Amino acid sequence: MGRFCGNRVFRYKSGGSGTRVAGIVLMVIGALMFLIFVPRWVWTSALGIVLISVGFLLWRFGE
């Protein structure tokens, strides 16, 4: 019972903060492109979605 009721501490790796920042920047740029260019051009909206996806992957799995 004790092993299920204990406090769990989740620690993130301290390294890789540069990739996390780059991921956040890519997500912000992608979101802005998606919001600004949705009604105008389809390819820039698709590029915005790709930037958001790549940024999320860098932010989530970056080391």
C-alpha atoms as a PDB file:
ATOM      1  CA  MET A   1       0.000   0.000   0.000  1.00  0.00           C
ATOM      2  CA  GLY A   2       2.846   2.382   0.776  1.00  0.00           C
ATOM      3  CA  ARG A   3       4.269   2.413  -2.722  1.00  0.00           C
ATOM      4  CA  PHE A   4       0.952   3.519  -4.217  1.00  0.00           C
ATOM      5  CA  CYS A   5       0.204   6.332  -1.752  1.00  0.00           C
ATOM      6  CA  GLY A   6       3.560   8.120  -1.745  1.00  0.00           C
ATOM      7  CA  ASN A   7       4.234  11.515  -3.238  1.00  0.00           C
ATOM      8  CA  ARG A   8       5.584  11.288  -6.743  1.00  0.00           C
ATOM      9  CA  VAL A   9       8.124  13.826  -7.821  1.00  0.00           C
ATOM     10  CA  PHE A  10       8.440  14.374 -11.542  1.00  0.00           C
ATOM     11  CA  ARG A  11      11.746  15.924 -12.496  1.00  0.00           C
ATOM     12  CA  TYR A  12      12.539  17.313 -15.864  1.00  0.00           C
ATOM     13  CA  LYS A  13      16.014  17.193 -17.291  1.00  0.00           C
ATOM     14  CA  SER A  14      17.779  20.483 -16.818  1.00  0.00           C
ATOM     15  CA  GLY A  15      19.665  20.163 -20.113  1.00  0.00           C
ATOM     16  CA  GLY A  16      18.147  21.056 -23.447  1.00  0.00           C
ATOM     17  CA  SER A  17      16.597  24.352 -22.502  1.00  0.00           C
ATOM     18  CA  GLY A  18      17.663  25.724 -25.888  1.00  0.00           C
ATOM     19  CA  THR A  19      15.516  23.213 -27.749  1.00  0.00           C
ATOM     20  CA  ARG A  20      12.578  23.960 -25.464  1.00  0.00           C
ATOM     21  CA  VAL A  21      12.876  27.683 -26.179  1.00  0.00           C
ATOM     22  CA  ALA A  22      13.208  26.996 -29.903  1.00  0.00           C
ATOM     23  CA  GLY A  23      10.120  24.794 -29.742  1.00  0.00           C
ATOM     24  CA  ILE A  24       8.086  27.501 -28.020  1.00  0.00           C
ATOM     25  CA  VAL A  25       9.245  30.093 -30.567  1.00  0.00           C
ATOM     26  CA  LEU A  26       8.279  27.805 -33.458  1.00  0.00           C
ATOM     27  CA  MET A  27       4.853  27.177 -31.931  1.00  0.00           C
ATOM     28  CA  VAL A  28       4.210  30.905 -31.495  1.00  0.00           C
ATOM     29  CA  ILE A  29       5.329  31.729 -35.048  1.00  0.00           C
ATOM     30  CA  GLY A  30       3.243  28.861 -36.425  1.00  0.00           C
ATOM     31  CA  ALA A  31       0.163  29.956 -34.489  1.00  0.00           C
ATOM     32  CA  LEU A  32       0.528  33.547 -35.712  1.00  0.00           C
ATOM     33  CA  MET A  33       0.944  32.390 -39.302  1.00  0.00           C
ATOM     34  CA  PHE A  34      -2.079  30.134 -38.970  1.00  0.00           C
ATOM     35  CA  LEU A  35      -4.266  32.880 -37.514  1.00  0.00           C
ATOM     36  CA  ILE A  36      -3.182  35.594 -39.945  1.00  0.00           C
ATOM     37  CA  PHE A  37      -3.068  33.652 -43.200  1.00  0.00           C
ATOM     38  CA  VAL A  38      -5.981  31.168 -42.852  1.00  0.00           C
ATOM     39  CA  PRO A  39      -8.409  33.105 -45.013  1.00  0.00           C
ATOM     40  CA  ARG A  40      -5.820  34.059 -47.618  1.00  0.00           C
ATOM     41  CA  TRP A  41      -3.471  31.264 -48.611  1.00  0.00           C
ATOM     42  CA  VAL A  42      -3.728  27.583 -47.906  1.00  0.00           C
ATOM     43  CA  TRP A  43      -0.012  26.846 -48.157  1.00  0.00           C
ATOM     44  CA  THR A  44       0.932  29.375 -45.458  1.00  0.00           C
ATOM     45  CA  SER A  45      -1.719  27.899 -43.171  1.00  0.00           C
ATOM     46  CA  ALA A  46      -0.238  24.448 -43.792  1.00  0.00           C
ATOM     47  CA  LEU A  47       3.225  25.838 -43.035  1.00  0.00           C
ATOM     48  CA  GLY A  48       1.882  27.280 -39.784  1.00  0.00           C
ATOM     49  CA  ILE A  49       0.490  23.893 -38.786  1.00  0.00           C
ATOM     50  CA  VAL A  50       3.834  22.241 -39.589  1.00  0.00           C
ATOM     51  CA  LEU A  51       5.711  24.837 -37.513  1.00  0.00           C
ATOM     52  CA  ILE A  52       3.368  24.285 -34.579  1.00  0.00           C
ATOM     53  CA  SER A  53       3.864  20.520 -34.822  1.00  0.00           C
ATOM     54  CA  VAL A  54       7.658  20.702 -35.064  1.00  0.00           C
ATOM     55  CA  GLY A  55       7.769  23.238 -32.255  1.00  0.00           C
ATOM     56  CA  PHE A  56       5.685  20.998 -30.044  1.00  0.00           C
ATOM     57  CA  LEU A  57       7.900  18.015 -30.743  1.00  0.00           C
ATOM     58  CA  LEU A  58      11.025  20.037 -29.942  1.00  0.00           C
ATOM     59  CA  TRP A  59       9.448  21.384 -26.767  1.00  0.00           C
ATOM     60  CA  ARG A  60       8.184  18.000 -25.607  1.00  0.00           C
ATOM     61  CA  PHE A  61      11.057  15.709 -26.547  1.00  0.00           C
ATOM     62  CA  GLY A  62      14.000  18.121 -26.749  1.00  0.00           C
ATOM     63  CA  GLU A  63      17.032  17.239 -24.688  1.00  0.00           C
END
